[in-house]
Amino acid sequence: VVKMGCILDGFSEHMMYFDEKRTFVPS
């Protein structure tokens, strides 16, 4: 089972403005 990792700088904020099917959606 995929475990929740640690985000830190793994997610760039500009990606939240794109369609969910194209971008990361943090758990």
mmCIF file of all heavy atoms, coordinates in Angstrom:
data_MODEL
# 
_entry.id   MODEL 
# 
loop_
_atom_site.group_PDB 
_atom_site.id 
_atom_site.type_symbol 
_atom_site.label_atom_id 
_atom_site.label_alt_id 
_atom_site.label_comp_id 
_atom_site.label_asym_id 
_atom_site.label_entity_id 
_atom_site.label_seq_id 
_atom_site.pdbx_PDB_ins_code 
_atom_site.Cartn_x 
_atom_site.Cartn_y 
_atom_site.Cartn_z 
_atom_site.occupancy 
_atom_site.B_iso_or_equiv 
_atom_site.pdbx_formal_charge 
_atom_site.auth_seq_id 
_atom_site.auth_comp_id 
_atom_site.auth_asym_id 
_atom_site.auth_atom_id 
_atom_site.pdbx_PDB_model_num 
ATOM 1   N N   . VAL A 1 1  ? 0.848  -1.193 0.000   1.00 0.00 ? 1  VAL A N   1 
ATOM 2   C CA  . VAL A 1 1  ? 0.000  0.000  0.000   1.00 0.00 ? 1  VAL A CA  1 
ATOM 3   C C   . VAL A 1 1  ? 0.884  1.245  0.000   1.00 0.00 ? 1  VAL A C   1 
ATOM 4   O O   . VAL A 1 1  ? 1.847  1.338  0.763   1.00 0.00 ? 1  VAL A O   1 
ATOM 5   C CB  . VAL A 1 1  ? -0.934 0.002  1.237   1.00 0.00 ? 1  VAL A CB  1 
ATOM 6   C CG1 . VAL A 1 1  ? -1.714 1.305  1.320   1.00 0.00 ? 1  VAL A CG1 1 
ATOM 7   C CG2 . VAL A 1 1  ? -1.880 -1.196 1.164   1.00 0.00 ? 1  VAL A CG2 1 
ATOM 8   N N   . VAL A 1 2  ? 0.560  2.190  -0.862  1.00 0.00 ? 2  VAL A N   1 
ATOM 9   C CA  . VAL A 1 2  ? 1.317  3.441  -0.940  1.00 0.00 ? 2  VAL A CA  1 
ATOM 10  C C   . VAL A 1 2  ? 1.112  4.239  0.339   1.00 0.00 ? 2  VAL A C   1 
ATOM 11  O O   . VAL A 1 2  ? -0.021 4.539  0.727   1.00 0.00 ? 2  VAL A O   1 
ATOM 12  C CB  . VAL A 1 2  ? 0.880  4.277  -2.157  1.00 0.00 ? 2  VAL A CB  1 
ATOM 13  C CG1 . VAL A 1 2  ? 1.656  5.591  -2.193  1.00 0.00 ? 2  VAL A CG1 1 
ATOM 14  C CG2 . VAL A 1 2  ? 1.098  3.490  -3.442  1.00 0.00 ? 2  VAL A CG2 1 
ATOM 15  N N   . LYS A 1 3  ? 2.205  4.578  0.995   1.00 0.00 ? 3  LYS A N   1 
ATOM 16  C CA  . LYS A 1 3  ? 2.148  5.321  2.248   1.00 0.00 ? 3  LYS A CA  1 
ATOM 17  C C   . LYS A 1 3  ? 2.266  6.824  1.982   1.00 0.00 ? 3  LYS A C   1 
ATOM 18  O O   . LYS A 1 3  ? 2.891  7.238  1.008   1.00 0.00 ? 3  LYS A O   1 
ATOM 19  C CB  . LYS A 1 3  ? 3.274  4.879  3.188   1.00 0.00 ? 3  LYS A CB  1 
ATOM 20  C CG  . LYS A 1 3  ? 3.183  3.423  3.634   1.00 0.00 ? 3  LYS A CG  1 
ATOM 21  C CD  . LYS A 1 3  ? 4.314  3.068  4.584   1.00 0.00 ? 3  LYS A CD  1 
ATOM 22  C CE  . LYS A 1 3  ? 4.243  1.607  5.005   1.00 0.00 ? 3  LYS A CE  1 
ATOM 23  N NZ  . LYS A 1 3  ? 3.041  1.347  5.819   1.00 0.00 ? 3  LYS A NZ  1 
ATOM 24  N N   . MET A 1 4  ? 1.678  7.607  2.883   1.00 0.00 ? 4  MET A N   1 
ATOM 25  C CA  . MET A 1 4  ? 1.825  9.048  2.802   1.00 0.00 ? 4  MET A CA  1 
ATOM 26  C C   . MET A 1 4  ? 3.277  9.413  3.078   1.00 0.00 ? 4  MET A C   1 
ATOM 27  O O   . MET A 1 4  ? 3.880  8.972  4.059   1.00 0.00 ? 4  MET A O   1 
ATOM 28  C CB  . MET A 1 4  ? 0.917  9.741  3.824   1.00 0.00 ? 4  MET A CB  1 
ATOM 29  C CG  . MET A 1 4  ? 1.007  11.270 3.806   1.00 0.00 ? 4  MET A CG  1 
ATOM 30  S SD  . MET A 1 4  ? 0.493  11.993 2.220   1.00 0.00 ? 4  MET A SD  1 
ATOM 31  C CE  . MET A 1 4  ? 0.820  13.731 2.511   1.00 0.00 ? 4  MET A CE  1 
ATOM 32  N N   . GLY A 1 5  ? 3.845  10.213 2.165   1.00 0.00 ? 5  GLY A N   1 
ATOM 33  C CA  . GLY A 1 5  ? 5.224  10.643 2.327   1.00 0.00 ? 5  GLY A CA  1 
ATOM 34  C C   . GLY A 1 5  ? 5.324  11.985 3.014   1.00 0.00 ? 5  GLY A C   1 
ATOM 35  O O   . GLY A 1 5  ? 4.400  12.423 3.711   1.00 0.00 ? 5  GLY A O   1 
ATOM 36  N N   . CYS A 1 6  ? 6.456  12.640 2.809   1.00 0.00 ? 6  CYS A N   1 
ATOM 37  C CA  . CYS A 1 6  ? 6.703  13.968 3.379   1.00 0.00 ? 6  CYS A CA  1 
ATOM 38  C C   . CYS A 1 6  ? 6.796  14.962 2.223   1.00 0.00 ? 6  CYS A C   1 
ATOM 39  O O   . CYS A 1 6  ? 7.592  14.759 1.297   1.00 0.00 ? 6  CYS A O   1 
ATOM 40  C CB  . CYS A 1 6  ? 7.994  13.944 4.192   1.00 0.00 ? 6  CYS A CB  1 
ATOM 41  S SG  . CYS A 1 6  ? 8.327  15.475 5.080   1.00 0.00 ? 6  CYS A SG  1 
ATOM 42  N N   . ILE A 1 7  ? 5.999  16.020 2.257   1.00 0.00 ? 7  ILE A N   1 
ATOM 43  C CA  . ILE A 1 7  ? 5.889  16.912 1.102   1.00 0.00 ? 7  ILE A CA  1 
ATOM 44  C C   . ILE A 1 7  ? 7.095  17.840 0.977   1.00 0.00 ? 7  ILE A C   1 
ATOM 45  O O   . ILE A 1 7  ? 7.746  17.905 -0.070  1.00 0.00 ? 7  ILE A O   1 
ATOM 46  C CB  . ILE A 1 7  ? 4.588  17.755 1.172   1.00 0.00 ? 7  ILE A CB  1 
ATOM 47  C CG1 . ILE A 1 7  ? 3.363  16.825 1.150   1.00 0.00 ? 7  ILE A CG1 1 
ATOM 48  C CG2 . ILE A 1 7  ? 4.536  18.727 -0.005  1.00 0.00 ? 7  ILE A CG2 1 
ATOM 49  C CD1 . ILE A 1 7  ? 2.035  17.562 1.314   1.00 0.00 ? 7  ILE A CD1 1 
ATOM 50  N N   . LEU A 1 8  ? 7.400  18.597 2.027   1.00 0.00 ? 8  LEU A N   1 
ATOM 51  C CA  . LEU A 1 8  ? 8.482  19.586 1.982   1.00 0.00 ? 8  LEU A CA  1 
ATOM 52  C C   . LEU A 1 8  ? 8.355  20.431 0.720   1.00 0.00 ? 8  LEU A C   1 
ATOM 53  O O   . LEU A 1 8  ? 7.340  21.078 0.511   1.00 0.00 ? 8  LEU A O   1 
ATOM 54  C CB  . LEU A 1 8  ? 9.837  18.890 2.095   1.00 0.00 ? 8  LEU A CB  1 
ATOM 55  C CG  . LEU A 1 8  ? 10.094 18.174 3.433   1.00 0.00 ? 8  LEU A CG  1 
ATOM 56  C CD1 . LEU A 1 8  ? 11.336 17.309 3.378   1.00 0.00 ? 8  LEU A CD1 1 
ATOM 57  C CD2 . LEU A 1 8  ? 10.219 19.201 4.557   1.00 0.00 ? 8  LEU A CD2 1 
ATOM 58  N N   . ASP A 1 9  ? 9.386  20.416 -0.176  1.00 0.00 ? 9  ASP A N   1 
ATOM 59  C CA  . ASP A 1 9  ? 9.304  21.205 -1.410  1.00 0.00 ? 9  ASP A CA  1 
ATOM 60  C C   . ASP A 1 9  ? 8.965  20.325 -2.614  1.00 0.00 ? 9  ASP A C   1 
ATOM 61  O O   . ASP A 1 9  ? 9.252  20.672 -3.754  1.00 0.00 ? 9  ASP A O   1 
ATOM 62  C CB  . ASP A 1 9  ? 10.616 21.953 -1.663  1.00 0.00 ? 9  ASP A CB  1 
ATOM 63  C CG  . ASP A 1 9  ? 11.832 21.030 -1.730  1.00 0.00 ? 9  ASP A CG  1 
ATOM 64  O OD1 . ASP A 1 9  ? 11.674 19.819 -1.470  1.00 0.00 ? 9  ASP A OD1 1 
ATOM 65  O OD2 . ASP A 1 9  ? 12.933 21.517 -2.031  1.00 0.00 ? 9  ASP A OD2 1 
ATOM 66  N N   . GLY A 1 10 ? 8.309  19.179 -2.350  1.00 0.00 ? 10 GLY A N   1 
ATOM 67  C CA  . GLY A 1 10 ? 7.944  18.279 -3.434  1.00 0.00 ? 10 GLY A CA  1 
ATOM 68  C C   . GLY A 1 10 ? 6.735  18.715 -4.232  1.00 0.00 ? 10 GLY A C   1 
ATOM 69  O O   . GLY A 1 10 ? 6.433  18.130 -5.271  1.00 0.00 ? 10 GLY A O   1 
ATOM 70  N N   . PHE A 1 11 ? 6.042  19.748 -3.758  1.00 0.00 ? 11 PHE A N   1 
ATOM 71  C CA  . PHE A 1 11 ? 4.859  20.257 -4.460  1.00 0.00 ? 11 PHE A CA  1 
ATOM 72  C C   . PHE A 1 11 ? 5.034  21.745 -4.697  1.00 0.00 ? 11 PHE A C   1 
ATOM 73  O O   . PHE A 1 11 ? 5.199  22.529 -3.755  1.00 0.00 ? 11 PHE A O   1 
ATOM 74  C CB  . PHE A 1 11 ? 3.599  20.002 -3.629  1.00 0.00 ? 11 PHE A CB  1 
ATOM 75  C CG  . PHE A 1 11 ? 2.335  20.548 -4.242  1.00 0.00 ? 11 PHE A CG  1 
ATOM 76  C CD1 . PHE A 1 11 ? 1.764  19.942 -5.349  1.00 0.00 ? 11 PHE A CD1 1 
ATOM 77  C CD2 . PHE A 1 11 ? 1.730  21.682 -3.718  1.00 0.00 ? 11 PHE A CD2 1 
ATOM 78  C CE1 . PHE A 1 11 ? 0.604  20.453 -5.919  1.00 0.00 ? 11 PHE A CE1 1 
ATOM 79  C CE2 . PHE A 1 11 ? 0.567  22.189 -4.270  1.00 0.00 ? 11 PHE A CE2 1 
ATOM 80  C CZ  . PHE A 1 11 ? -0.006 21.580 -5.379  1.00 0.00 ? 11 PHE A CZ  1 
ATOM 81  N N   . SER A 1 12 ? 5.015  22.129 -5.960  1.00 0.00 ? 12 SER A N   1 
ATOM 82  C CA  . SER A 1 12 ? 5.139  23.545 -6.314  1.00 0.00 ? 12 SER A CA  1 
ATOM 83  C C   . SER A 1 12 ? 3.762  24.196 -6.325  1.00 0.00 ? 12 SER A C   1 
ATOM 84  O O   . SER A 1 12 ? 2.826  23.661 -6.945  1.00 0.00 ? 12 SER A O   1 
ATOM 85  C CB  . SER A 1 12 ? 5.784  23.677 -7.698  1.00 0.00 ? 12 SER A CB  1 
ATOM 86  O OG  . SER A 1 12 ? 5.893  25.039 -8.071  1.00 0.00 ? 12 SER A OG  1 
ATOM 87  N N   . GLU A 1 13 ? 3.625  25.334 -5.652  1.00 0.00 ? 13 GLU A N   1 
ATOM 88  C CA  . GLU A 1 13 ? 2.312  25.948 -5.450  1.00 0.00 ? 13 GLU A CA  1 
ATOM 89  C C   . GLU A 1 13 ? 1.602  26.306 -6.757  1.00 0.00 ? 13 GLU A C   1 
ATOM 90  O O   . GLU A 1 13 ? 0.365  26.320 -6.811  1.00 0.00 ? 13 GLU A O   1 
ATOM 91  C CB  . GLU A 1 13 ? 2.443  27.197 -4.565  1.00 0.00 ? 13 GLU A CB  1 
ATOM 92  C CG  . GLU A 1 13 ? 2.764  26.865 -3.117  1.00 0.00 ? 13 GLU A CG  1 
ATOM 93  C CD  . GLU A 1 13 ? 2.710  28.094 -2.224  1.00 0.00 ? 13 GLU A CD  1 
ATOM 94  O OE1 . GLU A 1 13 ? 2.409  29.182 -2.743  1.00 0.00 ? 13 GLU A OE1 1 
ATOM 95  O OE2 . GLU A 1 13 ? 2.969  27.948 -1.014  1.00 0.00 ? 13 GLU A OE2 1 
ATOM 96  N N   . HIS A 1 14 ? 2.358  26.581 -7.819  1.00 0.00 ? 14 HIS A N   1 
ATOM 97  C CA  . HIS A 1 14 ? 1.684  26.963 -9.069  1.00 0.00 ? 14 HIS A CA  1 
ATOM 98  C C   . HIS A 1 14 ? 0.828  25.823 -9.623  1.00 0.00 ? 14 HIS A C   1 
ATOM 99  O O   . HIS A 1 14 ? -0.115 26.054 -10.376 1.00 0.00 ? 14 HIS A O   1 
ATOM 100 C CB  . HIS A 1 14 ? 2.707  27.404 -10.127 1.00 0.00 ? 14 HIS A CB  1 
ATOM 101 C CG  . HIS A 1 14 ? 3.408  26.281 -10.823 1.00 0.00 ? 14 HIS A CG  1 
ATOM 102 N ND1 . HIS A 1 14 ? 4.465  25.593 -10.265 1.00 0.00 ? 14 HIS A ND1 1 
ATOM 103 C CD2 . HIS A 1 14 ? 3.191  25.695 -12.033 1.00 0.00 ? 14 HIS A CD2 1 
ATOM 104 C CE1 . HIS A 1 14 ? 4.879  24.662 -11.099 1.00 0.00 ? 14 HIS A CE1 1 
ATOM 105 N NE2 . HIS A 1 14 ? 4.129  24.694 -12.175 1.00 0.00 ? 14 HIS A NE2 1 
ATOM 106 N N   . MET A 1 15 ? 1.119  24.583 -9.195  1.00 0.00 ? 15 MET A N   1 
ATOM 107 C CA  . MET A 1 15 ? 0.396  23.439 -9.731  1.00 0.00 ? 15 MET A CA  1 
ATOM 108 C C   . MET A 1 15 ? -1.034 23.338 -9.208  1.00 0.00 ? 15 MET A C   1 
ATOM 109 O O   . MET A 1 15 ? -1.859 22.626 -9.782  1.00 0.00 ? 15 MET A O   1 
ATOM 110 C CB  . MET A 1 15 ? 1.171  22.151 -9.440  1.00 0.00 ? 15 MET A CB  1 
ATOM 111 C CG  . MET A 1 15 ? 2.508  22.088 -10.171 1.00 0.00 ? 15 MET A CG  1 
ATOM 112 S SD  . MET A 1 15 ? 3.410  20.542 -9.916  1.00 0.00 ? 15 MET A SD  1 
ATOM 113 C CE  . MET A 1 15 ? 2.463  19.407 -10.935 1.00 0.00 ? 15 MET A CE  1 
ATOM 114 N N   . MET A 1 16 ? -1.348 24.046 -8.127  1.00 0.00 ? 16 MET A N   1 
ATOM 115 C CA  . MET A 1 16 ? -2.701 23.981 -7.577  1.00 0.00 ? 16 MET A CA  1 
ATOM 116 C C   . MET A 1 16 ? -3.721 24.699 -8.466  1.00 0.00 ? 16 MET A C   1 
ATOM 117 O O   . MET A 1 16 ? -4.921 24.548 -8.286  1.00 0.00 ? 16 MET A O   1 
ATOM 118 C CB  . MET A 1 16 ? -2.727 24.557 -6.157  1.00 0.00 ? 16 MET A CB  1 
ATOM 119 C CG  . MET A 1 16 ? -2.554 26.065 -6.086  1.00 0.00 ? 16 MET A CG  1 
ATOM 120 S SD  . MET A 1 16 ? -2.738 26.712 -4.398  1.00 0.00 ? 16 MET A SD  1 
ATOM 121 C CE  . MET A 1 16 ? -1.376 25.916 -3.556  1.00 0.00 ? 16 MET A CE  1 
ATOM 122 N N   . TYR A 1 17 ? -3.243 25.467 -9.448  1.00 0.00 ? 17 TYR A N   1 
ATOM 123 C CA  . TYR A 1 17 ? -4.153 26.234 -10.301 1.00 0.00 ? 17 TYR A CA  1 
ATOM 124 C C   . TYR A 1 17 ? -4.502 25.506 -11.598 1.00 0.00 ? 17 TYR A C   1 
ATOM 125 O O   . TYR A 1 17 ? -5.133 26.088 -12.486 1.00 0.00 ? 17 TYR A O   1 
ATOM 126 C CB  . TYR A 1 17 ? -3.533 27.594 -10.611 1.00 0.00 ? 17 TYR A CB  1 
ATOM 127 C CG  . TYR A 1 17 ? -3.254 28.402 -9.365  1.00 0.00 ? 17 TYR A CG  1 
ATOM 128 C CD1 . TYR A 1 17 ? -1.947 28.619 -8.934  1.00 0.00 ? 17 TYR A CD1 1 
ATOM 129 C CD2 . TYR A 1 17 ? -4.295 28.901 -8.592  1.00 0.00 ? 17 TYR A CD2 1 
ATOM 130 C CE1 . TYR A 1 17 ? -1.680 29.335 -7.775  1.00 0.00 ? 17 TYR A CE1 1 
ATOM 131 C CE2 . TYR A 1 17 ? -4.039 29.614 -7.423  1.00 0.00 ? 17 TYR A CE2 1 
ATOM 132 C CZ  . TYR A 1 17 ? -2.726 29.833 -7.033  1.00 0.00 ? 17 TYR A CZ  1 
ATOM 133 O OH  . TYR A 1 17 ? -2.469 30.529 -5.878  1.00 0.00 ? 17 TYR A OH  1 
ATOM 134 N N   . PHE A 1 18 ? -4.105 24.244 -11.719 1.00 0.00 ? 18 PHE A N   1 
ATOM 135 C CA  . PHE A 1 18 ? -4.398 23.474 -12.916 1.00 0.00 ? 18 PHE A CA  1 
ATOM 136 C C   . PHE A 1 18 ? -5.430 22.399 -12.616 1.00 0.00 ? 18 PHE A C   1 
ATOM 137 O O   . PHE A 1 18 ? -5.690 22.058 -11.461 1.00 0.00 ? 18 PHE A O   1 
ATOM 138 C CB  . PHE A 1 18 ? -3.105 22.846 -13.461 1.00 0.00 ? 18 PHE A CB  1 
ATOM 139 C CG  . PHE A 1 18 ? -2.167 23.842 -14.078 1.00 0.00 ? 18 PHE A CG  1 
ATOM 140 C CD1 . PHE A 1 18 ? -1.321 24.607 -13.282 1.00 0.00 ? 18 PHE A CD1 1 
ATOM 141 C CD2 . PHE A 1 18 ? -2.134 24.034 -15.448 1.00 0.00 ? 18 PHE A CD2 1 
ATOM 142 C CE1 . PHE A 1 18 ? -0.456 25.535 -13.837 1.00 0.00 ? 18 PHE A CE1 1 
ATOM 143 C CE2 . PHE A 1 18 ? -1.275 24.957 -16.019 1.00 0.00 ? 18 PHE A CE2 1 
ATOM 144 C CZ  . PHE A 1 18 ? -0.436 25.708 -15.214 1.00 0.00 ? 18 PHE A CZ  1 
ATOM 145 N N   . ASP A 1 19 ? -6.043 21.871 -13.676 1.00 0.00 ? 19 ASP A N   1 
ATOM 146 C CA  . ASP A 1 19 ? -7.060 20.834 -13.567 1.00 0.00 ? 19 ASP A CA  1 
ATOM 147 C C   . ASP A 1 19 ? -6.518 19.648 -12.769 1.00 0.00 ? 19 ASP A C   1 
ATOM 148 O O   . ASP A 1 19 ? -5.382 19.219 -12.980 1.00 0.00 ? 19 ASP A O   1 
ATOM 149 C CB  . ASP A 1 19 ? -7.457 20.375 -14.979 1.00 0.00 ? 19 ASP A CB  1 
ATOM 150 C CG  . ASP A 1 19 ? -8.703 19.503 -14.980 1.00 0.00 ? 19 ASP A CG  1 
ATOM 151 O OD1 . ASP A 1 19 ? -8.756 18.540 -14.186 1.00 0.00 ? 19 ASP A OD1 1 
ATOM 152 O OD2 . ASP A 1 19 ? -9.616 19.769 -15.780 1.00 0.00 ? 19 ASP A OD2 1 
ATOM 153 N N   . GLU A 1 20 ? -7.345 19.096 -11.871 1.00 0.00 ? 20 GLU A N   1 
ATOM 154 C CA  . GLU A 1 20 ? -6.911 18.000 -11.009 1.00 0.00 ? 20 GLU A CA  1 
ATOM 155 C C   . GLU A 1 20 ? -6.384 16.804 -11.789 1.00 0.00 ? 20 GLU A C   1 
ATOM 156 O O   . GLU A 1 20 ? -5.497 16.093 -11.329 1.00 0.00 ? 20 GLU A O   1 
ATOM 157 C CB  . GLU A 1 20 ? -8.052 17.545 -10.104 1.00 0.00 ? 20 GLU A CB  1 
ATOM 158 C CG  . GLU A 1 20 ? -8.325 18.483 -8.945  1.00 0.00 ? 20 GLU A CG  1 
ATOM 159 C CD  . GLU A 1 20 ? -9.236 17.866 -7.888  1.00 0.00 ? 20 GLU A CD  1 
ATOM 160 O OE1 . GLU A 1 20 ? -9.613 16.674 -8.051  1.00 0.00 ? 20 GLU A OE1 1 
ATOM 161 O OE2 . GLU A 1 20 ? -9.558 18.557 -6.903  1.00 0.00 ? 20 GLU A OE2 1 
ATOM 162 N N   . LYS A 1 21 ? -6.925 16.559 -12.973 1.00 0.00 ? 21 LYS A N   1 
ATOM 163 C CA  . LYS A 1 21 ? -6.481 15.396 -13.734 1.00 0.00 ? 21 LYS A CA  1 
ATOM 164 C C   . LYS A 1 21 ? -5.057 15.584 -14.273 1.00 0.00 ? 21 LYS A C   1 
ATOM 165 O O   . LYS A 1 21 ? -4.416 14.630 -14.710 1.00 0.00 ? 21 LYS A O   1 
ATOM 166 C CB  . LYS A 1 21 ? -7.427 15.105 -14.892 1.00 0.00 ? 21 LYS A CB  1 
ATOM 167 C CG  . LYS A 1 21 ? -7.413 16.135 -16.006 1.00 0.00 ? 21 LYS A CG  1 
ATOM 168 C CD  . LYS A 1 21 ? -8.412 15.803 -17.094 1.00 0.00 ? 21 LYS A CD  1 
ATOM 169 C CE  . LYS A 1 21 ? -8.378 16.844 -18.211 1.00 0.00 ? 21 LYS A CE  1 
ATOM 170 N NZ  . LYS A 1 21 ? -9.387 16.571 -19.258 1.00 0.00 ? 21 LYS A NZ  1 
ATOM 171 N N   . ARG A 1 22 ? -4.559 16.845 -14.211 1.00 0.00 ? 22 ARG A N   1 
ATOM 172 C CA  . ARG A 1 22 ? -3.229 17.148 -14.742 1.00 0.00 ? 22 ARG A CA  1 
ATOM 173 C C   . ARG A 1 22 ? -2.178 17.388 -13.662 1.00 0.00 ? 22 ARG A C   1 
ATOM 174 O O   . ARG A 1 22 ? -0.987 17.381 -13.942 1.00 0.00 ? 22 ARG A O   1 
ATOM 175 C CB  . ARG A 1 22 ? -3.303 18.415 -15.611 1.00 0.00 ? 22 ARG A CB  1 
ATOM 176 C CG  . ARG A 1 22 ? -4.130 18.262 -16.863 1.00 0.00 ? 22 ARG A CG  1 
ATOM 177 C CD  . ARG A 1 22 ? -3.390 17.450 -17.886 1.00 0.00 ? 22 ARG A CD  1 
ATOM 178 N NE  . ARG A 1 22 ? -4.144 17.258 -19.113 1.00 0.00 ? 22 ARG A NE  1 
ATOM 179 C CZ  . ARG A 1 22 ? -3.735 16.503 -20.117 1.00 0.00 ? 22 ARG A CZ  1 
ATOM 180 N NH1 . ARG A 1 22 ? -2.590 15.864 -20.026 1.00 0.00 ? 22 ARG A NH1 1 
ATOM 181 N NH2 . ARG A 1 22 ? -4.472 16.366 -21.194 1.00 0.00 ? 22 ARG A NH2 1 
ATOM 182 N N   . THR A 1 23 ? -2.631 17.592 -12.436 1.00 0.00 ? 23 THR A N   1 
ATOM 183 C CA  . THR A 1 23 ? -1.700 18.053 -11.404 1.00 0.00 ? 23 THR A CA  1 
ATOM 184 C C   . THR A 1 23 ? -1.765 17.182 -10.156 1.00 0.00 ? 23 THR A C   1 
ATOM 185 O O   . THR A 1 23 ? -2.621 16.299 -10.030 1.00 0.00 ? 23 THR A O   1 
ATOM 186 C CB  . THR A 1 23 ? -2.000 19.515 -11.031 1.00 0.00 ? 23 THR A CB  1 
ATOM 187 O OG1 . THR A 1 23 ? -0.979 20.010 -10.164 1.00 0.00 ? 23 THR A OG1 1 
ATOM 188 C CG2 . THR A 1 23 ? -3.347 19.651 -10.358 1.00 0.00 ? 23 THR A CG2 1 
ATOM 189 N N   . PHE A 1 24 ? -0.833 17.414 -9.233  1.00 0.00 ? 24 PHE A N   1 
ATOM 190 C CA  . PHE A 1 24 ? -0.855 16.712 -7.959  1.00 0.00 ? 24 PHE A CA  1 
ATOM 191 C C   . PHE A 1 24 ? -1.966 17.272 -7.070  1.00 0.00 ? 24 PHE A C   1 
ATOM 192 O O   . PHE A 1 24 ? -2.228 18.478 -7.070  1.00 0.00 ? 24 PHE A O   1 
ATOM 193 C CB  . PHE A 1 24 ? 0.482  16.883 -7.221  1.00 0.00 ? 24 PHE A CB  1 
ATOM 194 C CG  . PHE A 1 24 ? 1.690  16.455 -8.010  1.00 0.00 ? 24 PHE A CG  1 
ATOM 195 C CD1 . PHE A 1 24 ? 2.808  17.272 -8.087  1.00 0.00 ? 24 PHE A CD1 1 
ATOM 196 C CD2 . PHE A 1 24 ? 1.726  15.230 -8.658  1.00 0.00 ? 24 PHE A CD2 1 
ATOM 197 C CE1 . PHE A 1 24 ? 3.936  16.888 -8.797  1.00 0.00 ? 24 PHE A CE1 1 
ATOM 198 C CE2 . PHE A 1 24 ? 2.845  14.831 -9.372  1.00 0.00 ? 24 PHE A CE2 1 
ATOM 199 C CZ  . PHE A 1 24 ? 3.946  15.665 -9.444  1.00 0.00 ? 24 PHE A CZ  1 
ATOM 200 N N   . VAL A 1 25 ? -2.591 16.389 -6.300  1.00 0.00 ? 25 VAL A N   1 
ATOM 201 C CA  . VAL A 1 25 ? -3.599 16.812 -5.317  1.00 0.00 ? 25 VAL A CA  1 
ATOM 202 C C   . VAL A 1 25 ? -3.143 16.251 -3.969  1.00 0.00 ? 25 VAL A C   1 
ATOM 203 O O   . VAL A 1 25 ? -3.357 15.065 -3.670  1.00 0.00 ? 25 VAL A O   1 
ATOM 204 C CB  . VAL A 1 25 ? -4.998 16.284 -5.672  1.00 0.00 ? 25 VAL A CB  1 
ATOM 205 C CG1 . VAL A 1 25 ? -6.011 16.794 -4.641  1.00 0.00 ? 25 VAL A CG1 1 
ATOM 206 C CG2 . VAL A 1 25 ? -5.399 16.709 -7.074  1.00 0.00 ? 25 VAL A CG2 1 
ATOM 207 N N   . PRO A 1 26 ? -2.483 17.080 -3.154  1.00 0.00 ? 26 PRO A N   1 
ATOM 208 C CA  . PRO A 1 26 ? -1.934 16.569 -1.887  1.00 0.00 ? 26 PRO A CA  1 
ATOM 209 C C   . PRO A 1 26 ? -2.999 15.948 -0.989  1.00 0.00 ? 26 PRO A C   1 
ATOM 210 O O   . PRO A 1 26 ? -4.101 16.469 -0.851  1.00 0.00 ? 26 PRO A O   1 
ATOM 211 C CB  . PRO A 1 26 ? -1.322 17.815 -1.243  1.00 0.00 ? 26 PRO A CB  1 
ATOM 212 C CG  . PRO A 1 26 ? -0.992 18.698 -2.403  1.00 0.00 ? 26 PRO A CG  1 
ATOM 213 C CD  . PRO A 1 26 ? -2.105 18.478 -3.389  1.00 0.00 ? 26 PRO A CD  1 
ATOM 214 N N   . SER A 1 27 ? -2.635 14.822 -0.394  1.00 0.00 ? 27 SER A N   1 
ATOM 215 C CA  . SER A 1 27 ? -3.526 14.136 0.534   1.00 0.00 ? 27 SER A CA  1 
ATOM 216 C C   . SER A 1 27 ? -3.617 14.912 1.841   1.00 0.00 ? 27 SER A C   1 
ATOM 217 O O   . SER A 1 27 ? -2.687 15.620 2.237   1.00 0.00 ? 27 SER A O   1 
ATOM 218 C CB  . SER A 1 27 ? -2.979 12.732 0.807   1.00 0.00 ? 27 SER A CB  1 
ATOM 219 O OG  . SER A 1 27 ? -3.663 12.117 1.873   1.00 0.00 ? 27 SER A OG  1 
# 
